[in-house]
Amino acid sequence: MRVSTDAQADRYGPDRQRDDITREAERAGLVITDWVEESISGTDHDRAAENRYYQLARQHPGLNVVFSHPNRLGRHVEVTVGIARRIHQLGGTVWIAGMGSLRDRRNWRNFLRDAAEAENDHSDIVERLQRGKYAKAARNLWPHGQPPYGYRIVRDERGKSTTLEPHPETADVVRFIFERALAGEGSATIAMRLIQKGVPVARPHKSSQGLWTMRHVLYILANEGYTGRRIYSGPDGETAIVTFPALVSPADFRRVRQLVAGRRKHRPARTRFPALWAGHARCSLCGGGMAVFSNYNETKAGRKHYLNYRCRNTYASGATAAVRGAKACQHRRVHNHQKVDEAGWQLFVQAMTDPHLLAAALACETPLVPDHSSRMAELRAQMADMVRRAVTHHLPDDVLESVLEPLRDELRRLERDSAPPPPEPVPDMSSLAAQMAAHLNQLHDLEARREALGVWQARLFLGMDGIERVEVTVHRQ
């Protein structure tokens, strides 16, 4: 027996299923020895991989398994048929109430037909739900489901969800997470801060110990819904935007996403060697990172050590490299770290103090503009049809206005949402260059310079002939 929703419990719940199974067992002369009750969704394909039916069939050869209806096995044909076929392969026999044994070829044919109808019924239900949710989202109402952590659902007098509002207890936690991320802290550090503050974890079922983890923090930092908008797609591919109070501005959200991505791509390497460009040097041939390695020569004065940069993918070979998908690169030159570090720093300073180079390095961010064209065309057609009918039937103007006003409101909202935002002002690069010149000239020790490279996401590209170029990223503040 399987009941995965309250609606199923009301319409075809355990009692009705148990009665149908009992009648089928009595008709077939079978003795019921065990009942298997499930609450897992019939659309879950994992049910076909391993379940209680298979365990019983292995323990009791020749076992008979009675289901009340094909849709109690699953909602997809491959799941429904797969479970029955697997039980037969294990030596058991599947019975369907009112149909009989599926070992009978005629019953098996009817079973396949009913399984296909069950999937078709499920597809119809899913489509109706999608259309209903999209229609609600098109009216800027929260359509369904749990709100993001930090929000709670606002309901009308009938208990219907209308919109979201910041949760009085958890909204500040979300703001704190974004504030610390904007300050440059990593997800592990933020999670530790939340644990130390005793903040209850956002998704306890995702944590084995009920504590904040990097996964929780990264999940929140990646959720664009905290900018106060959620995009919903209809069954025909159209989109609708639901808006609600934001917990973080779109500009801050984009900045956080850049910082998170930057930690993966431009994070300084954790190396014990005093190499300035460790983690920032790139091979111009393959785009891979340049590793820092130590070598030495034996001389009369003793052992003399050297530090060099070399492409990680040049010496990656063998089965391990193939499994990891390492690139094969022909960049076999090694670069002396002292020469590279000094020349590379001078190029970095030149780039950061040149207004034209800073302007070229300004991060270009293309804002996401939703496509409401299909819905807007539908609204305009409805309004034109309303006017046409009003003229034909001589309806009063106030009646026509009362019908058109909600359509006009929705159309205006969609037009505002579809309009591209005004371009952000370009910072004064001359002033920024002057400030950077004064700041960088004061940096002389290794750690201070490495910190500057990390802040501006510097990349130094090395080729066979030495340094080719330096790149930086300038973010709008």
Protein backbone atom coordinates (compact mmCIF):
# COMPACT_ATOMS: atom_id res chain seq x y z
CA MET A 1 0.00 0.00 0.00
CA ARG A 2 1.26 3.48 -0.79
CA VAL A 3 -0.11 6.89 0.22
CA SER A 4 2.20 9.83 -0.51
CA THR A 5 -0.24 12.78 -0.21
CA ASP A 6 -3.17 13.81 1.98
CA ALA A 7 -5.42 13.83 -1.09
CA GLN A 8 -4.58 10.18 -1.76
CA ALA A 9 -5.37 9.34 1.86
CA ASP A 10 -8.81 10.90 1.48
CA ARG A 11 -9.67 9.33 -1.88
CA TYR A 12 -7.86 6.00 -1.94
CA GLY A 13 -6.30 5.64 1.47
CA PRO A 14 -4.90 2.65 3.36
CA ASP A 15 -8.28 1.28 4.42
CA ARG A 16 -9.68 1.10 0.89
CA GLN A 17 -6.43 -0.33 -0.45
CA ARG A 18 -6.34 -2.92 2.33
CA ASP A 19 -9.93 -4.00 1.55
CA ASP A 20 -9.19 -4.40 -2.17
CA ILE A 21 -6.02 -6.39 -1.49
CA THR A 22 -7.81 -8.63 1.04
CA ARG A 23 -10.61 -9.43 -1.43
CA GLU A 24 -8.09 -10.25 -4.18
CA ALA A 25 -6.12 -12.52 -1.83
CA GLU A 26 -9.28 -14.38 -0.78
CA ARG A 27 -10.38 -14.78 -4.40
CA ALA A 28 -6.96 -16.18 -5.36
CA GLY A 29 -6.72 -18.41 -2.28
CA LEU A 30 -3.70 -16.55 -0.87
CA VAL A 31 -2.85 -15.99 2.79
CA ILE A 32 -1.63 -12.49 3.69
CA THR A 33 1.50 -12.72 5.86
CA ASP A 34 2.88 -9.18 5.67
CA TRP A 35 1.75 -5.66 4.83
CA VAL A 36 4.12 -3.15 3.23
CA GLU A 37 3.13 0.49 3.69
CA GLU A 38 4.94 3.28 1.85
CA SER A 39 4.70 7.06 1.87
CA ILE A 40 7.33 7.68 -0.81
CA SER A 41 6.16 9.39 -3.99
CA GLY A 42 5.14 7.17 -6.88
CA THR A 43 7.27 9.33 -9.19
CA ASP A 44 10.49 8.46 -7.32
CA HIS A 45 12.58 6.31 -9.65
CA ASP A 46 14.71 5.09 -6.72
CA ARG A 47 11.79 2.88 -5.67
CA ALA A 48 12.52 0.65 -8.64
CA ALA A 49 16.17 0.26 -7.61
CA GLU A 50 15.64 -1.38 -4.21
CA ASN A 51 12.65 -1.71 -1.91
CA ARG A 52 10.93 -3.93 0.63
CA TYR A 53 9.24 -6.06 -2.05
CA TYR A 54 12.58 -7.28 -3.37
CA GLN A 55 13.83 -8.12 0.12
CA LEU A 56 10.75 -10.23 0.84
CA ALA A 57 11.00 -11.95 -2.55
CA ARG A 58 14.61 -12.93 -1.82
CA GLN A 59 13.76 -14.19 1.66
CA HIS A 60 10.68 -16.16 0.57
CA PRO A 61 11.00 -17.86 -2.84
CA GLY A 62 7.67 -18.06 -4.66
CA LEU A 63 6.28 -15.06 -2.77
CA ASN A 64 3.02 -13.52 -4.01
CA VAL A 65 2.78 -9.71 -3.86
CA VAL A 66 -0.67 -8.12 -4.22
CA PHE A 67 -1.09 -4.46 -5.19
CA SER A 68 -4.41 -2.67 -5.06
CA HIS A 69 -3.89 -0.82 -8.37
CA PRO A 70 -1.11 -0.28 -10.95
CA ASN A 71 -0.72 3.34 -9.84
CA ARG A 72 0.21 2.09 -6.35
CA LEU A 73 3.40 0.66 -7.87
CA GLY A 74 4.38 3.94 -9.48
CA ARG A 75 3.36 6.91 -11.59
CA HIS A 76 5.80 6.35 -14.43
CA VAL A 77 5.52 3.35 -16.73
CA GLU A 78 9.18 2.42 -16.33
CA VAL A 79 8.85 2.42 -12.52
CA THR A 80 5.54 0.56 -12.44
CA VAL A 81 6.54 -2.12 -14.93
CA GLY A 82 10.10 -2.30 -13.60
CA ILE A 83 9.00 -3.21 -10.08
CA ALA A 84 6.63 -5.93 -11.28
CA ARG A 85 9.21 -7.35 -13.68
CA ARG A 86 11.91 -7.40 -10.99
CA ILE A 87 9.67 -9.29 -8.54
CA HIS A 88 9.00 -11.86 -11.24
CA GLN A 89 12.73 -12.18 -11.92
CA LEU A 90 13.27 -12.92 -8.22
CA GLY A 91 10.79 -15.78 -8.45
CA GLY A 92 7.77 -13.99 -7.02
CA THR A 93 4.38 -13.29 -8.57
CA VAL A 94 2.63 -9.93 -8.73
CA TRP A 95 -1.15 -9.74 -8.40
CA ILE A 96 -3.32 -6.69 -9.07
CA ALA A 97 -6.65 -6.40 -7.25
CA GLY A 98 -9.50 -7.00 -9.68
CA MET A 99 -7.10 -8.09 -12.43
CA GLY A 100 -5.36 -11.21 -11.18
CA SER A 101 -1.89 -12.65 -11.58
CA LEU A 102 0.49 -10.82 -13.91
CA ARG A 103 1.97 -14.16 -14.86
CA ASP A 104 -1.08 -14.40 -17.13
CA ARG A 105 -0.16 -12.76 -20.43
CA ARG A 106 -3.64 -11.24 -20.85
CA ASN A 107 -3.43 -9.68 -17.41
CA TRP A 108 0.08 -8.44 -18.19
CA ARG A 109 -1.24 -6.71 -21.32
CA ASN A 110 -4.01 -5.05 -19.32
CA PHE A 111 -1.47 -4.10 -16.67
CA LEU A 112 0.71 -2.33 -19.26
CA ARG A 113 -2.34 -0.43 -20.50
CA ASP A 114 -3.31 0.64 -16.97
CA ALA A 115 0.29 1.65 -16.20
CA ALA A 116 0.32 3.90 -19.27
CA GLU A 117 -3.01 5.42 -18.23
CA ALA A 118 -1.67 6.01 -14.71
CA GLU A 119 1.30 7.93 -16.12
CA ASN A 120 -0.99 9.91 -18.42
CA ASP A 121 -3.26 10.80 -15.48
CA HIS A 122 -0.24 11.89 -13.48
CA SER A 123 1.01 14.04 -16.37
CA ASP A 124 -2.40 15.73 -16.59
CA ILE A 125 -2.33 16.47 -12.86
CA VAL A 126 1.19 17.90 -13.08
CA GLU A 127 0.24 20.13 -16.01
CA ARG A 128 -2.86 21.44 -14.24
CA LEU A 129 -0.79 22.19 -11.15
CA GLN A 130 1.84 23.98 -13.23
CA ARG A 131 -0.78 26.07 -14.98
CA GLY A 132 -2.42 26.94 -11.68
CA LYS A 133 0.89 27.91 -10.09
CA TYR A 134 1.91 29.97 -13.10
CA ALA A 135 -1.46 31.76 -13.20
CA LYS A 136 -1.00 32.67 -9.55
CA ALA A 137 2.60 33.79 -10.11
CA ALA A 138 1.46 35.93 -13.07
CA ARG A 139 -0.68 37.89 -10.58
CA ASN A 140 2.43 38.44 -8.44
CA LEU A 141 1.22 36.01 -5.76
CA TRP A 142 3.38 33.39 -4.07
CA PRO A 143 2.24 30.23 -5.87
CA HIS A 144 3.30 27.33 -3.69
CA GLY A 145 5.92 25.62 -1.62
CA GLN A 146 8.12 26.50 1.30
CA PRO A 147 9.61 30.00 1.23
CA PRO A 148 13.38 30.49 1.24
CA TYR A 149 15.04 30.50 4.63
CA GLY A 150 14.65 34.00 6.05
CA TYR A 151 11.08 34.48 4.77
CA ARG A 152 7.60 33.47 5.83
CA ILE A 153 4.35 33.27 3.85
CA VAL A 154 1.70 35.98 4.18
CA ARG A 155 -1.84 34.60 3.84
CA ASP A 156 -5.21 36.23 3.27
CA GLU A 157 -8.34 35.74 5.35
CA ARG A 158 -9.05 32.46 3.54
CA GLY A 159 -5.61 31.08 4.32
CA LYS A 160 -4.39 31.43 0.72
CA SER A 161 -0.76 32.43 0.25
CA THR A 162 -0.33 35.95 -1.14
CA THR A 163 3.31 37.00 -0.80
CA LEU A 164 6.43 36.64 1.35
CA GLU A 165 7.74 38.83 4.12
CA PRO A 166 11.04 38.75 6.04
CA HIS A 167 10.91 36.30 8.92
CA PRO A 168 11.39 38.16 12.22
CA GLU A 169 13.85 35.55 13.53
CA THR A 170 15.80 34.34 10.49
CA ALA A 171 15.91 37.30 8.08
CA ASP A 172 18.78 38.87 10.03
CA VAL A 173 20.70 35.59 9.75
CA VAL A 174 20.51 35.78 5.96
CA ARG A 175 21.63 39.42 6.01
CA PHE A 176 24.53 38.47 8.29
CA ILE A 177 25.64 35.71 5.91
CA PHE A 178 25.70 38.08 2.94
CA GLU A 179 27.44 40.81 4.97
CA ARG A 180 30.23 38.45 5.99
CA ALA A 181 30.54 37.13 2.43
CA LEU A 182 30.85 40.71 1.13
CA ALA A 183 33.58 41.25 3.73
CA GLY A 184 35.54 38.45 2.07
CA GLU A 185 34.90 35.62 4.52
CA GLY A 186 34.59 32.09 3.19
CA SER A 187 31.63 29.78 3.69
CA ALA A 188 33.46 27.68 6.30
CA THR A 189 34.26 30.77 8.39
CA ILE A 190 30.67 32.03 8.15
CA ALA A 191 29.30 28.63 9.18
CA MET A 192 31.63 28.58 12.19
CA ARG A 193 30.47 32.07 13.22
CA LEU A 194 26.84 30.93 13.10
CA ILE A 195 27.64 27.86 15.19
CA GLN A 196 29.46 29.98 17.77
CA LYS A 197 26.49 32.37 17.94
CA GLY A 198 24.15 29.44 18.55
CA VAL A 199 22.00 30.13 15.48
CA PRO A 200 19.70 27.17 14.65
CA VAL A 201 20.66 25.57 11.36
CA ALA A 202 18.62 26.48 8.28
CA ARG A 203 18.01 22.94 7.02
CA PRO A 204 18.53 20.46 9.88
CA HIS A 205 17.75 17.45 7.68
CA LYS A 206 20.76 18.36 5.53
CA SER A 207 23.17 18.23 8.48
CA SER A 208 24.11 15.02 10.24
CA GLN A 209 24.87 16.87 13.49
CA GLY A 210 22.28 19.63 13.21
CA LEU A 211 24.96 22.30 12.75
CA TRP A 212 25.69 24.87 10.08
CA THR A 213 27.94 23.65 7.27
CA MET A 214 29.56 25.13 4.19
CA ARG A 215 26.74 23.58 2.15
CA HIS A 216 24.10 25.55 4.06
CA VAL A 217 25.94 28.84 3.62
CA LEU A 218 26.70 28.30 -0.08
CA TYR A 219 23.06 27.33 -0.72
CA ILE A 220 21.90 30.66 0.72
CA LEU A 221 24.58 32.66 -1.11
CA ALA A 222 23.50 31.10 -4.43
CA ASN A 223 19.76 31.77 -4.00
CA GLU A 224 18.81 34.76 -6.17
CA GLY A 225 15.42 34.83 -4.45
CA TYR A 226 16.97 36.91 -1.68
CA THR A 227 17.02 39.84 -4.13
CA GLY A 228 13.22 39.90 -3.79
CA ARG A 229 12.17 38.08 -6.95
CA ARG A 230 11.51 34.51 -8.00
CA ILE A 231 11.04 33.37 -11.60
CA TYR A 232 8.38 30.75 -12.32
CA SER A 233 7.99 28.94 -15.62
CA GLY A 234 4.67 27.83 -17.05
CA PRO A 235 4.07 24.52 -18.85
CA ASP A 236 4.46 26.25 -22.23
CA GLY A 237 7.79 27.88 -21.36
CA GLU A 238 6.44 31.32 -20.43
CA THR A 239 7.86 33.01 -17.33
CA ALA A 240 6.37 35.06 -14.52
CA ILE A 241 8.10 37.06 -11.81
CA VAL A 242 6.94 37.05 -8.20
CA THR A 243 8.30 40.00 -6.22
CA PHE A 244 8.57 40.47 -2.46
CA PRO A 245 10.79 42.43 -0.02
CA ALA A 246 14.48 41.85 -0.71
CA LEU A 247 17.02 40.84 1.94
CA VAL A 248 19.99 41.76 -0.27
CA SER A 249 20.34 44.18 -3.16
CA PRO A 250 20.90 42.80 -6.69
CA ALA A 251 24.29 44.55 -6.84
CA ASP A 252 25.43 42.96 -3.56
CA PHE A 253 24.16 39.56 -4.70
CA ARG A 254 26.17 39.78 -7.94
CA ARG A 255 29.22 40.87 -5.96
CA VAL A 256 28.88 37.88 -3.64
CA ARG A 257 28.58 35.50 -6.59
CA GLN A 258 31.76 36.99 -8.06
CA LEU A 259 33.57 36.60 -4.75
CA VAL A 260 32.48 32.98 -4.39
CA ALA A 261 33.52 32.17 -7.96
CA GLY A 262 36.75 34.09 -7.47
CA ARG A 263 37.72 31.98 -4.48
CA ARG A 264 37.54 28.92 -6.71
CA LYS A 265 39.44 30.42 -9.64
CA HIS A 266 41.77 33.08 -8.26
CA ARG A 267 42.45 32.01 -4.69
CA PRO A 268 46.15 32.25 -3.78
CA ALA A 269 47.74 28.84 -3.56
CA ARG A 270 48.45 27.40 -0.14
CA THR A 271 52.17 26.94 -0.68
CA ARG A 272 55.06 27.01 1.76
CA PHE A 273 57.25 28.67 -0.86
CA PRO A 274 57.60 32.49 -0.84
CA ALA A 275 56.29 32.95 -4.39
CA LEU A 276 54.27 36.13 -5.00
CA TRP A 277 52.22 34.87 -7.95
CA ALA A 278 51.42 31.42 -6.52
CA GLY A 279 47.76 30.79 -7.35
CA HIS A 280 47.64 33.75 -9.76
CA ALA A 281 50.06 32.64 -12.50
CA ARG A 282 48.45 31.07 -15.58
CA CYS A 283 49.84 29.22 -18.58
CA SER A 284 49.08 31.19 -21.74
CA LEU A 285 49.10 27.99 -23.82
CA CYS A 286 46.50 25.88 -22.00
CA GLY A 287 45.07 28.29 -19.42
CA GLY A 288 46.05 26.02 -16.54
CA GLY A 289 47.69 27.12 -13.33
CA MET A 290 51.44 27.52 -12.94
CA ALA A 291 52.76 25.42 -10.07
CA VAL A 292 55.61 26.48 -7.81
CA PHE A 293 58.33 23.87 -7.39
CA SER A 294 61.71 23.79 -5.72
CA ASN A 295 64.98 22.58 -7.23
CA TYR A 296 68.58 22.73 -6.10
CA ASN A 297 72.19 22.40 -7.22
CA GLU A 298 75.07 20.94 -5.27
CA THR A 299 78.01 23.36 -5.19
CA LYS A 300 81.23 23.63 -3.24
CA ALA A 301 79.56 26.19 -1.03
CA GLY A 302 76.75 23.76 -0.35
CA ARG A 303 73.28 23.14 -1.70
CA LYS A 304 71.66 26.09 -3.49
CA HIS A 305 67.88 26.09 -3.84
CA TYR A 306 65.84 27.61 -6.65
CA LEU A 307 62.12 28.33 -6.92
CA ASN A 308 60.45 28.21 -10.32
CA TYR A 309 57.03 28.33 -11.95
CA ARG A 310 55.98 25.64 -14.41
CA CYS A 311 52.70 24.63 -16.04
CA ARG A 312 50.82 22.01 -14.06
CA ASN A 313 49.58 20.33 -17.22
CA THR A 314 52.98 19.91 -18.86
CA TYR A 315 54.14 17.14 -16.56
CA ALA A 316 50.71 15.62 -15.93
CA SER A 317 50.88 12.17 -17.44
CA GLY A 318 49.99 8.58 -16.77
CA ALA A 319 46.74 6.88 -15.82
CA THR A 320 46.00 9.16 -12.86
CA ALA A 321 46.23 12.28 -14.99
CA ALA A 322 44.01 10.69 -17.65
CA VAL A 323 41.35 9.83 -15.08
CA ARG A 324 41.44 13.38 -13.70
CA GLY A 325 41.07 14.77 -17.21
CA ALA A 326 44.34 16.69 -17.07
CA LYS A 327 45.25 18.62 -20.20
CA ALA A 328 48.40 17.89 -22.17
CA CYS A 329 50.45 21.08 -22.55
CA GLN A 330 53.69 21.72 -24.41
CA HIS A 331 54.76 24.59 -22.15
CA ARG A 332 58.00 23.02 -20.89
CA ARG A 333 59.86 26.15 -19.89
CA VAL A 334 60.42 26.81 -16.20
CA HIS A 335 60.37 30.43 -15.03
CA ASN A 336 62.56 31.80 -12.25
CA HIS A 337 60.26 33.04 -9.51
CA GLN A 338 62.35 36.09 -8.58
CA LYS A 339 62.32 37.49 -12.10
CA VAL A 340 58.64 36.66 -12.61
CA ASP A 341 57.58 38.05 -9.23
CA GLU A 342 59.30 41.41 -9.67
CA ALA A 343 58.42 41.94 -13.35
CA GLY A 344 54.86 40.72 -12.76
CA TRP A 345 54.38 43.11 -9.84
CA GLN A 346 55.53 46.05 -11.93
CA LEU A 347 52.99 45.10 -14.63
CA PHE A 348 50.28 44.80 -11.98
CA VAL A 349 51.10 48.26 -10.60
CA GLN A 350 51.08 49.67 -14.13
CA ALA A 351 47.63 48.17 -14.80
CA MET A 352 46.20 49.40 -11.50
CA THR A 353 47.47 52.96 -11.94
CA ASP A 354 46.42 53.46 -15.57
CA PRO A 355 42.84 54.85 -15.84
CA HIS A 356 42.37 53.38 -19.32
CA LEU A 357 43.48 49.90 -18.25
CA LEU A 358 41.25 50.09 -15.18
CA ALA A 359 38.26 51.04 -17.34
CA ALA A 360 38.97 48.09 -19.64
CA ALA A 361 39.13 45.78 -16.60
CA LEU A 362 35.77 46.95 -15.24
CA ALA A 363 33.59 43.89 -14.75
CA CYS A 364 30.68 43.98 -17.19
CA GLU A 365 27.54 42.47 -15.69
CA THR A 366 24.55 41.82 -17.89
CA PRO A 367 21.42 41.99 -15.73
CA LEU A 368 18.85 39.23 -16.15
CA VAL A 369 15.73 40.66 -17.79
CA PRO A 370 12.74 38.27 -17.81
CA ASP A 371 10.84 37.67 -21.03
CA HIS A 372 7.16 38.48 -20.50
CA SER A 373 6.38 39.04 -24.18
CA SER A 374 3.93 36.14 -24.48
CA ARG A 375 1.97 37.12 -21.37
CA MET A 376 1.95 40.81 -22.37
CA ALA A 377 0.64 39.93 -25.82
CA GLU A 378 -2.05 37.80 -24.18
CA LEU A 379 -3.08 40.68 -21.91
CA ARG A 380 -3.28 43.14 -24.80
CA ALA A 381 -5.41 40.68 -26.77
CA GLN A 382 -7.74 40.24 -23.79
CA MET A 383 -8.08 44.00 -23.36
CA ALA A 384 -8.83 44.49 -27.05
CA ASP A 385 -11.43 41.73 -26.90
CA MET A 386 -13.03 43.33 -23.83
CA VAL A 387 -13.30 46.69 -25.60
CA ARG A 388 -14.76 45.02 -28.69
CA ARG A 389 -17.40 43.21 -26.66
CA ALA A 390 -18.23 46.35 -24.68
CA VAL A 391 -18.86 48.27 -27.90
CA THR A 392 -20.92 45.44 -29.37
CA HIS A 393 -23.11 45.04 -26.30
CA HIS A 394 -23.19 48.77 -25.35
CA LEU A 395 -21.74 48.17 -21.89
CA PRO A 396 -21.35 51.19 -19.57
CA ASP A 397 -17.90 52.72 -19.33
CA ASP A 398 -17.60 52.03 -15.61
CA VAL A 399 -18.21 48.32 -16.20
CA LEU A 400 -15.55 48.24 -18.92
CA GLU A 401 -13.08 50.12 -16.70
CA SER A 402 -13.62 47.72 -13.81
CA VAL A 403 -12.77 44.81 -16.11
CA LEU A 404 -9.78 46.48 -17.77
CA GLU A 405 -8.12 47.91 -14.66
CA PRO A 406 -6.66 44.63 -13.26
CA LEU A 407 -5.38 43.74 -16.73
CA ARG A 408 -3.78 47.18 -17.07
CA ASP A 409 -2.16 46.83 -13.64
CA GLU A 410 -0.64 43.49 -14.55
CA LEU A 411 0.52 44.80 -17.94
CA ARG A 412 2.20 47.82 -16.34
CA ARG A 413 3.93 45.60 -13.80
CA LEU A 414 5.23 43.27 -16.50
CA GLU A 415 6.42 46.22 -18.59
CA ARG A 416 8.33 47.60 -15.60
CA ASP A 417 9.84 44.22 -14.86
CA SER A 418 10.85 43.68 -18.51
CA ALA A 419 12.54 47.06 -18.87
CA PRO A 420 16.33 46.82 -18.62
CA PRO A 421 17.72 48.61 -15.57
CA PRO A 422 19.58 51.87 -16.14
CA PRO A 423 23.32 51.41 -16.63
CA GLU A 424 25.35 51.72 -13.48
CA PRO A 425 27.57 54.79 -13.36
CA VAL A 426 31.20 54.22 -14.26
CA PRO A 427 33.52 55.04 -11.35
CA ASP A 428 36.03 57.86 -11.66
CA MET A 429 38.96 55.82 -12.94
CA SER A 430 41.44 58.70 -12.73
CA SER A 431 40.71 59.13 -9.04
CA LEU A 432 40.85 55.38 -8.49
CA ALA A 433 44.18 55.13 -10.33
CA ALA A 434 45.67 57.89 -8.17
CA GLN A 435 44.48 56.17 -5.00
CA MET A 436 45.88 52.85 -6.17
CA ALA A 437 49.26 54.40 -6.99
CA ALA A 438 49.56 55.81 -3.48
CA HIS A 439 48.43 52.52 -1.93
CA LEU A 440 50.54 50.10 -3.97
CA ASN A 441 53.72 52.11 -3.53
CA GLN A 442 53.47 51.40 0.20
CA LEU A 443 53.34 47.62 -0.25
CA HIS A 444 56.77 46.07 0.08
CA ASP A 445 56.40 42.80 2.00
CA LEU A 446 55.25 39.57 0.35
CA GLU A 447 51.99 39.05 2.25
CA ALA A 448 50.75 42.60 1.64
CA ARG A 449 51.37 42.26 -2.08
CA ARG A 450 49.72 38.84 -2.22
CA GLU A 451 46.67 40.27 -0.48
CA ALA A 452 46.45 43.01 -3.13
CA LEU A 453 46.63 40.41 -5.91
CA GLY A 454 43.78 38.52 -4.29
CA VAL A 455 41.55 41.56 -3.82
CA TRP A 456 41.83 42.55 -7.49
CA GLN A 457 41.81 38.95 -8.79
CA ALA A 458 45.08 39.40 -10.66
CA ARG A 459 46.13 36.82 -13.26
CA LEU A 460 49.65 36.71 -14.70
CA PHE A 461 49.94 34.83 -18.00
CA LEU A 462 53.28 33.16 -18.75
CA GLY A 463 54.28 31.85 -22.16
CA MET A 464 57.33 30.21 -23.66
CA ASP A 465 59.02 33.62 -23.93
CA GLY A 466 58.15 34.77 -20.42
CA ILE A 467 55.44 37.13 -19.15
CA GLU A 468 52.80 37.93 -21.76
CA ARG A 469 50.22 40.00 -19.86
CA VAL A 470 48.54 40.67 -16.55
CA GLU A 471 44.77 40.84 -16.05
CA VAL A 472 42.78 42.30 -13.17
CA THR A 473 39.07 42.57 -12.39
CA VAL A 474 37.55 45.85 -11.20
CA HIS A 475 34.18 45.51 -9.46
CA ARG A 476 31.63 48.29 -9.06
CA GLN A 477 31.07 49.24 -5.47
